[in-house]
Amino acid sequence: MSSGYERELRAVLAGTPEGVRAVTRSCTELEKARAMRVIQRPFLVVRAAGSGMEGSGDILALRGDLCFPIEVKTTKSKKLYLSGRTRTQFDAMQAEGERCHLMPLYAQRLKGVRGDSWRIFRVETSTLSSKLALLSRRIPALPLTSKGNPMLAWDEGLPLHKFLAVLCRSDEDSSGAEIIASSTLEIALERARKYDTDHASEIHEAGEEGEDVFPAEVIIPVDSTPAWVANFRP
């Protein structure tokens, strides 16, 4: 693992504008905007004491609500199979995660690609609670080989800019999402009601003209709300 790439990741997590711009230079505007969120909610990032010590990872990212030990790996190919020393590192991180109720992470940096070259994976543990338990649903665990051994597969990881967007969402962002969802539901219901009203008027007019609007075997439901609208009701 190159210390240069470790410093690159440290600068991003620390929320330095220069660091974020450096790793998102060839990203899309949306990806850049997502990554820039970390500037408002940065981490204190330090090298783990005796970096490389089993179970500690390479760096620690700390914030008031979160703490992650992170193992950094740089690869030329998309897949890295953990064996020997790297498998021992994984087992130690998993053991420490279980013991300390942490969610250890792997950060894989793929060389020679444009855009977001970092991918994030979590080490599977069973002692997570509260916010970490919720976050674990958004971060993929290390995939397994056909024999059940953990590995890194760049294509299956969470891009760094999405990882930062998830970690750095503000309360306002969550409230805004709820407002948008509520507004969308109201619009759908209003359109459905308008459709029913207009449709009922057409039926009434047709009836006055003496047309046989409904076959005898058709039963008109009492609730005029379309069935699909019921799925959107809270």
C-alpha atoms as a PDB file:
ATOM      1  CA  MET A   1       0.000   0.000   0.000  1.00  0.00           C
ATOM      2  CA  SER A   2       1.461   3.369  -1.051  1.00  0.00           C
ATOM      3  CA  SER A   3       1.649   5.998   1.669  1.00  0.00           C
ATOM      4  CA  GLY A   4       0.861   8.571  -1.032  1.00  0.00           C
ATOM      5  CA  TYR A   5      -2.595   7.123  -1.612  1.00  0.00           C
ATOM      6  CA  GLU A   6      -3.128   6.841   2.129  1.00  0.00           C
ATOM      7  CA  ARG A   7      -2.425  10.578   2.422  1.00  0.00           C
ATOM      8  CA  GLU A   8      -4.836  11.174  -0.460  1.00  0.00           C
ATOM      9  CA  LEU A   9      -7.663   9.466   1.417  1.00  0.00           C
ATOM     10  CA  ARG A  10      -6.756  11.189   4.678  1.00  0.00           C
ATOM     11  CA  ALA A  11      -6.994  14.596   2.999  1.00  0.00           C
ATOM     12  CA  VAL A  12     -10.452  13.785   1.641  1.00  0.00           C
ATOM     13  CA  LEU A  13     -11.876  12.496   4.926  1.00  0.00           C
ATOM     14  CA  ALA A  14     -10.380  15.482   6.749  1.00  0.00           C
ATOM     15  CA  GLY A  15     -12.510  17.710   4.529  1.00  0.00           C
ATOM     16  CA  THR A  16      -9.726  19.791   2.997  1.00  0.00           C
ATOM     17  CA  PRO A  17     -11.017  21.463  -0.199  1.00  0.00           C
ATOM     18  CA  GLU A  18      -7.718  20.804  -1.970  1.00  0.00           C
ATOM     19  CA  GLY A  19      -7.839  17.129  -1.067  1.00  0.00           C
ATOM     20  CA  VAL A  20     -11.410  16.689  -2.254  1.00  0.00           C
ATOM     21  CA  ARG A  21     -10.748  18.528  -5.504  1.00  0.00           C
ATOM     22  CA  ALA A  22      -7.666  16.398  -6.148  1.00  0.00           C
ATOM     23  CA  VAL A  23      -9.539  13.087  -6.078  1.00  0.00           C
ATOM     24  CA  THR A  24     -12.629  14.362  -7.930  1.00  0.00           C
ATOM     25  CA  ARG A  25     -10.830  16.215 -10.723  1.00  0.00           C
ATOM     26  CA  SER A  26     -12.128  13.844 -13.415  1.00  0.00           C
ATOM     27  CA  CYS A  27     -15.505  13.160 -11.762  1.00  0.00           C
ATOM     28  CA  THR A  28     -18.885  14.467 -12.902  1.00  0.00           C
ATOM     29  CA  GLU A  29     -20.338  17.606 -11.340  1.00  0.00           C
ATOM     30  CA  LEU A  30     -22.807  15.515  -9.339  1.00  0.00           C
ATOM     31  CA  GLU A  31     -20.034  13.300  -7.984  1.00  0.00           C
ATOM     32  CA  LYS A  32     -17.992  16.372  -7.056  1.00  0.00           C
ATOM     33  CA  ALA A  33     -20.948  17.925  -5.238  1.00  0.00           C
ATOM     34  CA  ARG A  34     -21.526  14.762  -3.234  1.00  0.00           C
ATOM     35  CA  ALA A  35     -17.878  14.497  -2.239  1.00  0.00           C
ATOM     36  CA  MET A  36     -17.738  18.175  -1.248  1.00  0.00           C
ATOM     37  CA  ARG A  37     -20.239  17.518   1.550  1.00  0.00           C
ATOM     38  CA  VAL A  38     -17.381  16.267   3.712  1.00  0.00           C
ATOM     39  CA  ILE A  39     -16.006  19.820   3.855  1.00  0.00           C
ATOM     40  CA  GLN A  40     -18.978  20.779   6.049  1.00  0.00           C
ATOM     41  CA  ARG A  41     -18.806  17.616   8.187  1.00  0.00           C
ATOM     42  CA  PRO A  42     -15.141  16.556   8.267  1.00  0.00           C
ATOM     43  CA  PHE A  43     -13.403  13.814  10.221  1.00  0.00           C
ATOM     44  CA  LEU A  44     -10.323  13.915  12.388  1.00  0.00           C
ATOM     45  CA  VAL A  45      -8.078  11.478  10.545  1.00  0.00           C
ATOM     46  CA  VAL A  46      -4.947  10.011  12.115  1.00  0.00           C
ATOM     47  CA  ARG A  47      -2.624   7.167  11.293  1.00  0.00           C
ATOM     48  CA  ALA A  48      -3.313   4.187  13.490  1.00  0.00           C
ATOM     49  CA  ALA A  49      -0.747   3.777  16.253  1.00  0.00           C
ATOM     50  CA  GLY A  50       1.895   1.542  14.761  1.00  0.00           C
ATOM     51  CA  SER A  51       0.153   1.508  11.380  1.00  0.00           C
ATOM     52  CA  GLY A  52      -0.082  -2.072  10.236  1.00  0.00           C
ATOM     53  CA  MET A  53      -0.642  -3.389  13.765  1.00  0.00           C
ATOM     54  CA  GLU A  54      -3.164  -6.206  13.553  1.00  0.00           C
ATOM     55  CA  GLY A  55      -6.747  -5.042  13.914  1.00  0.00           C
ATOM     56  CA  SER A  56      -6.097  -1.297  13.878  1.00  0.00           C
ATOM     57  CA  GLY A  57      -6.132  -0.669  10.139  1.00  0.00           C
ATOM     58  CA  ASP A  58      -3.988   2.009   8.522  1.00  0.00           C
ATOM     59  CA  ILE A  59      -5.945   5.091   9.579  1.00  0.00           C
ATOM     60  CA  LEU A  60      -8.673   6.080  12.019  1.00  0.00           C
ATOM     61  CA  ALA A  61     -11.443   8.484  10.989  1.00  0.00           C
ATOM     62  CA  LEU A  62     -13.206  10.063  13.971  1.00  0.00           C
ATOM     63  CA  ARG A  63     -16.140  12.438  14.291  1.00  0.00           C
ATOM     64  CA  GLY A  64     -18.546  13.173  17.113  1.00  0.00           C
ATOM     65  CA  ASP A  65     -21.004  10.539  15.935  1.00  0.00           C
ATOM     66  CA  LEU A  66     -18.760   8.045  14.127  1.00  0.00           C
ATOM     67  CA  CYS A  67     -15.432   6.228  14.252  1.00  0.00           C
ATOM     68  CA  PHE A  68     -13.937   3.944  11.602  1.00  0.00           C
ATOM     69  CA  PRO A  69     -10.679   1.995  11.480  1.00  0.00           C
ATOM     70  CA  ILE A  70      -9.790   1.861   7.779  1.00  0.00           C
ATOM     71  CA  GLU A  71      -7.431  -0.458   5.930  1.00  0.00           C
ATOM     72  CA  VAL A  72      -6.196   1.105   2.673  1.00  0.00           C
ATOM     73  CA  LYS A  73      -5.338  -1.044  -0.339  1.00  0.00           C
ATOM     74  CA  THR A  74      -4.044   0.122  -3.721  1.00  0.00           C
ATOM     75  CA  THR A  75      -4.363  -2.272  -6.658  1.00  0.00           C
ATOM     76  CA  LYS A  76      -3.697  -2.416 -10.387  1.00  0.00           C
ATOM     77  CA  SER A  77      -6.381  -5.048 -10.946  1.00  0.00           C
ATOM     78  CA  LYS A  78      -9.978  -4.847  -9.798  1.00  0.00           C
ATOM     79  CA  LYS A  79      -9.785  -7.914  -7.572  1.00  0.00           C
ATOM     80  CA  LEU A  80      -7.575  -8.570  -4.576  1.00  0.00           C
ATOM     81  CA  TYR A  81      -7.742 -11.936  -2.848  1.00  0.00           C
ATOM     82  CA  LEU A  82      -6.909 -11.883   0.849  1.00  0.00           C
ATOM     83  CA  SER A  83      -4.486 -14.589   1.866  1.00  0.00           C
ATOM     84  CA  GLY A  84      -1.530 -14.956   4.162  1.00  0.00           C
ATOM     85  CA  ARG A  85      -0.725 -11.652   5.852  1.00  0.00           C
ATOM     86  CA  THR A  86      -3.661  -9.779   4.298  1.00  0.00           C
ATOM     87  CA  ARG A  87      -6.084 -12.457   5.518  1.00  0.00           C
ATOM     88  CA  THR A  88      -4.565 -12.201   9.000  1.00  0.00           C
ATOM     89  CA  GLN A  89      -5.162  -8.436   8.869  1.00  0.00           C
ATOM     90  CA  PHE A  90      -8.791  -8.992   7.921  1.00  0.00           C
ATOM     91  CA  ASP A  91      -9.393 -11.517  10.697  1.00  0.00           C
ATOM     92  CA  ALA A  92      -7.839  -9.163  13.253  1.00  0.00           C
ATOM     93  CA  MET A  93      -9.968  -6.217  12.095  1.00  0.00           C
ATOM     94  CA  GLN A  94     -13.088  -8.352  12.255  1.00  0.00           C
ATOM     95  CA  ALA A  95     -12.223  -9.496  15.776  1.00  0.00           C
ATOM     96  CA  GLU A  96     -11.622  -5.915  16.948  1.00  0.00           C
ATOM     97  CA  GLY A  97     -14.841  -4.786  15.301  1.00  0.00           C
ATOM     98  CA  GLU A  98     -16.789  -7.433  17.183  1.00  0.00           C
ATOM     99  CA  ARG A  99     -15.026  -6.681  20.460  1.00  0.00           C
ATOM    100  CA  CYS A 100     -15.358  -2.887  20.288  1.00  0.00           C
ATOM    101  CA  HIS A 101     -18.696  -2.662  18.431  1.00  0.00           C
ATOM    102  CA  LEU A 102     -17.042  -0.899  15.483  1.00  0.00           C
ATOM    103  CA  MET A 103     -17.483  -1.131  11.727  1.00  0.00           C
ATOM    104  CA  PRO A 104     -14.000  -1.575  10.203  1.00  0.00           C
ATOM    105  CA  LEU A 105     -13.687  -0.494   6.582  1.00  0.00           C
ATOM    106  CA  TYR A 106     -11.533  -1.290   3.584  1.00  0.00           C
ATOM    107  CA  ALA A 107     -10.769   1.467   1.062  1.00  0.00           C
ATOM    108  CA  GLN A 108      -9.615   0.117  -2.310  1.00  0.00           C
ATOM    109  CA  ARG A 109      -7.906   2.521  -4.709  1.00  0.00           C
ATOM    110  CA  LEU A 110      -7.737   1.289  -8.306  1.00  0.00           C
ATOM    111  CA  LYS A 111      -4.875   2.700 -10.356  1.00  0.00           C
ATOM    112  CA  GLY A 112      -5.289   3.998 -13.884  1.00  0.00           C
ATOM    113  CA  VAL A 113      -9.014   4.835 -13.939  1.00  0.00           C
ATOM    114  CA  ARG A 114     -10.757   8.142 -14.474  1.00  0.00           C
ATOM    115  CA  GLY A 115     -13.484   9.407 -12.200  1.00  0.00           C
ATOM    116  CA  ASP A 116     -13.873   8.136  -8.650  1.00  0.00           C
ATOM    117  CA  SER A 117     -11.096   5.561  -8.242  1.00  0.00           C
ATOM    118  CA  TRP A 118     -11.915   4.686  -4.598  1.00  0.00           C
ATOM    119  CA  ARG A 119     -14.312   1.994  -3.405  1.00  0.00           C
ATOM    120  CA  ILE A 120     -15.408   1.361   0.182  1.00  0.00           C
ATOM    121  CA  PHE A 121     -16.264  -1.975   1.819  1.00  0.00           C
ATOM    122  CA  ARG A 122     -17.170  -2.877   5.387  1.00  0.00           C
ATOM    123  CA  VAL A 123     -15.958  -5.811   7.420  1.00  0.00           C
ATOM    124  CA  GLU A 124     -18.946  -7.948   8.418  1.00  0.00           C
ATOM    125  CA  THR A 125     -19.603  -7.809  12.175  1.00  0.00           C
ATOM    126  CA  SER A 126     -22.582  -8.655  14.385  1.00  0.00           C
ATOM    127  CA  THR A 127     -22.303  -6.153  17.254  1.00  0.00           C
ATOM    128  CA  LEU A 128     -23.304  -2.920  15.501  1.00  0.00           C
ATOM    129  CA  SER A 129     -26.026  -0.734  16.949  1.00  0.00           C
ATOM    130  CA  SER A 130     -27.644   2.652  16.475  1.00  0.00           C
ATOM    131  CA  LYS A 131     -26.231   4.738  13.615  1.00  0.00           C
ATOM    132  CA  LEU A 132     -23.570   2.223  12.610  1.00  0.00           C
ATOM    133  CA  ALA A 133     -26.218  -0.455  12.184  1.00  0.00           C
ATOM    134  CA  LEU A 134     -28.156   1.825   9.842  1.00  0.00           C
ATOM    135  CA  LEU A 135     -25.048   2.761   7.880  1.00  0.00           C
ATOM    136  CA  SER A 136     -24.112  -0.883   7.438  1.00  0.00           C
ATOM    137  CA  ARG A 137     -27.146  -1.305   5.187  1.00  0.00           C
ATOM    138  CA  ARG A 138     -25.703   1.227   2.738  1.00  0.00           C
ATOM    139  CA  ILE A 139     -22.111  -0.024   2.663  1.00  0.00           C
ATOM    140  CA  PRO A 140     -21.413  -3.392   1.005  1.00  0.00           C
ATOM    141  CA  ALA A 141     -19.482  -6.015   2.931  1.00  0.00           C
ATOM    142  CA  LEU A 142     -16.391  -7.556   1.389  1.00  0.00           C
ATOM    143  CA  PRO A 143     -17.562 -10.089  -1.198  1.00  0.00           C
ATOM    144  CA  LEU A 144     -16.647 -13.738  -0.800  1.00  0.00           C
ATOM    145  CA  THR A 145     -14.958 -16.152  -3.148  1.00  0.00           C
ATOM    146  CA  SER A 146     -16.593 -19.426  -4.147  1.00  0.00           C
ATOM    147  CA  LYS A 147     -14.823 -20.981  -1.159  1.00  0.00           C
ATOM    148  CA  GLY A 148     -16.177 -18.362   1.247  1.00  0.00           C
ATOM    149  CA  ASN A 149     -12.990 -16.331   1.655  1.00  0.00           C
ATOM    150  CA  PRO A 150     -13.191 -12.505   1.783  1.00  0.00           C
ATOM    151  CA  MET A 151     -11.807 -10.496  -1.126  1.00  0.00           C
ATOM    152  CA  LEU A 152     -11.858  -7.003  -2.601  1.00  0.00           C
ATOM    153  CA  ALA A 153     -13.747  -6.584  -5.877  1.00  0.00           C
ATOM    154  CA  TRP A 154     -13.630  -2.942  -6.974  1.00  0.00           C
ATOM    155  CA  ASP A 155     -16.801  -3.146  -9.070  1.00  0.00           C
ATOM    156  CA  GLU A 156     -18.820  -4.248  -6.039  1.00  0.00           C
ATOM    157  CA  GLY A 157     -17.685  -1.504  -3.668  1.00  0.00           C
ATOM    158  CA  LEU A 158     -19.383   1.777  -2.750  1.00  0.00           C
ATOM    159  CA  PRO A 159     -17.833   4.734  -4.615  1.00  0.00           C
ATOM    160  CA  LEU A 160     -16.125   7.182  -2.283  1.00  0.00           C
ATOM    161  CA  HIS A 161     -18.318  10.127  -3.303  1.00  0.00           C
ATOM    162  CA  LYS A 162     -21.460   8.153  -2.418  1.00  0.00           C
ATOM    163  CA  PHE A 163     -19.887   7.048   0.856  1.00  0.00           C
ATOM    164  CA  LEU A 164     -19.210  10.685   1.757  1.00  0.00           C
ATOM    165  CA  ALA A 165     -22.725  11.730   0.755  1.00  0.00           C
ATOM    166  CA  VAL A 166     -24.205   9.081   3.062  1.00  0.00           C
ATOM    167  CA  LEU A 167     -21.951  10.002   6.007  1.00  0.00           C
ATOM    168  CA  CYS A 168     -22.348  13.749   5.641  1.00  0.00           C
ATOM    169  CA  ARG A 169     -26.082  14.106   5.129  1.00  0.00           C
ATOM    170  CA  SER A 170     -27.467  16.880   7.289  1.00  0.00           C
ATOM    171  CA  ASP A 171     -30.755  16.868   9.174  1.00  0.00           C
ATOM    172  CA  GLU A 172     -31.993  19.419   6.650  1.00  0.00           C
ATOM    173  CA  ASP A 173     -31.320  16.944   3.836  1.00  0.00           C
ATOM    174  CA  SER A 174     -33.434  14.287   5.566  1.00  0.00           C
ATOM    175  CA  SER A 175     -36.262  16.737   6.247  1.00  0.00           C
ATOM    176  CA  GLY A 176     -36.150  17.900   2.653  1.00  0.00           C
ATOM    177  CA  ALA A 177     -36.461  14.343   1.396  1.00  0.00           C
ATOM    178  CA  GLU A 178     -39.500  13.774   3.587  1.00  0.00           C
ATOM    179  CA  ILE A 179     -41.101  16.998   2.328  1.00  0.00           C
ATOM    180  CA  ILE A 180     -40.496  16.023  -1.299  1.00  0.00           C
ATOM    181  CA  ALA A 181     -41.966  12.553  -0.730  1.00  0.00           C
ATOM    182  CA  SER A 182     -45.021  14.036   0.983  1.00  0.00           C
ATOM    183  CA  SER A 183     -45.538  16.591  -1.791  1.00  0.00           C
ATOM    184  CA  THR A 184     -45.241  13.909  -4.455  1.00  0.00           C
ATOM    185  CA  LEU A 185     -47.903  11.828  -2.718  1.00  0.00           C
ATOM    186  CA  GLU A 186     -50.254  14.806  -2.452  1.00  0.00           C
ATOM    187  CA  ILE A 187     -49.822  15.594  -6.144  1.00  0.00           C
ATOM    188  CA  ALA A 188     -50.550  11.970  -7.095  1.00  0.00           C
ATOM    189  CA  LEU A 189     -53.695  11.888  -4.968  1.00  0.00           C
ATOM    190  CA  GLU A 190     -54.911  15.226  -6.321  1.00  0.00           C
ATOM    191  CA  ARG A 191     -54.425  14.070  -9.904  1.00  0.00           C
ATOM    192  CA  ALA A 192     -56.304  10.861  -9.129  1.00  0.00           C
ATOM    193  CA  ARG A 193     -59.214  12.780  -7.598  1.00  0.00           C
ATOM    194  CA  LYS A 194     -59.339  15.110 -10.601  1.00  0.00           C
ATOM    195  CA  TYR A 195     -59.323  12.147 -12.966  1.00  0.00           C
ATOM    196  CA  ASP A 196     -62.236  10.535 -11.100  1.00  0.00           C
ATOM    197  CA  THR A 197     -64.218  13.792 -11.084  1.00  0.00           C
ATOM    198  CA  ASP A 198     -63.750  14.358 -14.812  1.00  0.00           C
ATOM    199  CA  HIS A 199     -64.520  10.720 -15.573  1.00  0.00           C
ATOM    200  CA  ALA A 200     -67.688  10.841 -13.478  1.00  0.00           C
ATOM    201  CA  SER A 201     -68.869  13.962 -15.354  1.00  0.00           C
ATOM    202  CA  GLU A 202     -68.386  12.217 -18.688  1.00  0.00           C
ATOM    203  CA  ILE A 203     -70.398   9.232 -17.467  1.00  0.00           C
ATOM    204  CA  HIS A 204     -73.193  11.502 -16.209  1.00  0.00           C
ATOM    205  CA  GLU A 205     -73.401  13.368 -19.515  1.00  0.00           C
ATOM    206  CA  ALA A 206     -73.447  10.127 -21.462  1.00  0.00           C
ATOM    207  CA  GLY A 207     -76.257   8.850 -19.249  1.00  0.00           C
ATOM    208  CA  GLU A 208     -78.388  11.935 -19.876  1.00  0.00           C
ATOM    209  CA  GLU A 209     -78.059  11.358 -23.611  1.00  0.00           C
ATOM    210  CA  GLY A 210     -79.651   7.934 -23.159  1.00  0.00           C
ATOM    211  CA  GLU A 211     -76.552   5.869 -23.777  1.00  0.00           C
ATOM    212  CA  ASP A 212     -76.221   2.528 -22.052  1.00  0.00           C
ATOM    213  CA  VAL A 213     -72.971   3.405 -20.272  1.00  0.00           C
ATOM    214  CA  PHE A 214     -72.451   0.308 -18.138  1.00  0.00           C
ATOM    215  CA  PRO A 215     -73.176  -3.319 -18.973  1.00  0.00           C
ATOM    216  CA  ALA A 216     -75.511  -4.939 -16.483  1.00  0.00           C
ATOM    217  CA  GLU A 217     -72.808  -7.205 -15.091  1.00  0.00           C
ATOM    218  CA  VAL A 218     -70.398  -4.360 -14.202  1.00  0.00           C
ATOM    219  CA  ILE A 219     -70.404  -3.368 -10.530  1.00  0.00           C
ATOM    220  CA  ILE A 220     -69.283   0.176  -9.711  1.00  0.00           C
ATOM    221  CA  PRO A 221     -67.156   0.220  -6.522  1.00  0.00           C
ATOM    222  CA  VAL A 222     -68.251   2.513  -3.724  1.00  0.00           C
ATOM    223  CA  ASP A 223     -64.715   3.841  -3.238  1.00  0.00           C
ATOM    224  CA  SER A 224     -63.898   5.813  -6.374  1.00  0.00           C
ATOM    225  CA  THR A 225     -60.203   6.023  -5.587  1.00  0.00           C
ATOM    226  CA  PRO A 226     -58.170   3.995  -8.114  1.00  0.00           C
ATOM    227  CA  ALA A 227     -56.540   0.911  -6.646  1.00  0.00           C
ATOM    228  CA  TRP A 228     -53.010   2.082  -7.464  1.00  0.00           C
ATOM    229  CA  VAL A 229     -53.466   5.200  -5.335  1.00  0.00           C
ATOM    230  CA  ALA A 230     -54.062   3.100  -2.233  1.00  0.00           C
ATOM    231  CA  ASN A 231     -50.474   1.899  -2.434  1.00  0.00           C
ATOM    232  CA  PHE A 232     -49.249   5.454  -1.887  1.00  0.00           C
ATOM    233  CA  ARG A 233     -51.401   6.222   1.126  1.00  0.00           C
ATOM    234  CA  PRO A 234     -49.451   6.556   4.406  1.00  0.00           C
END
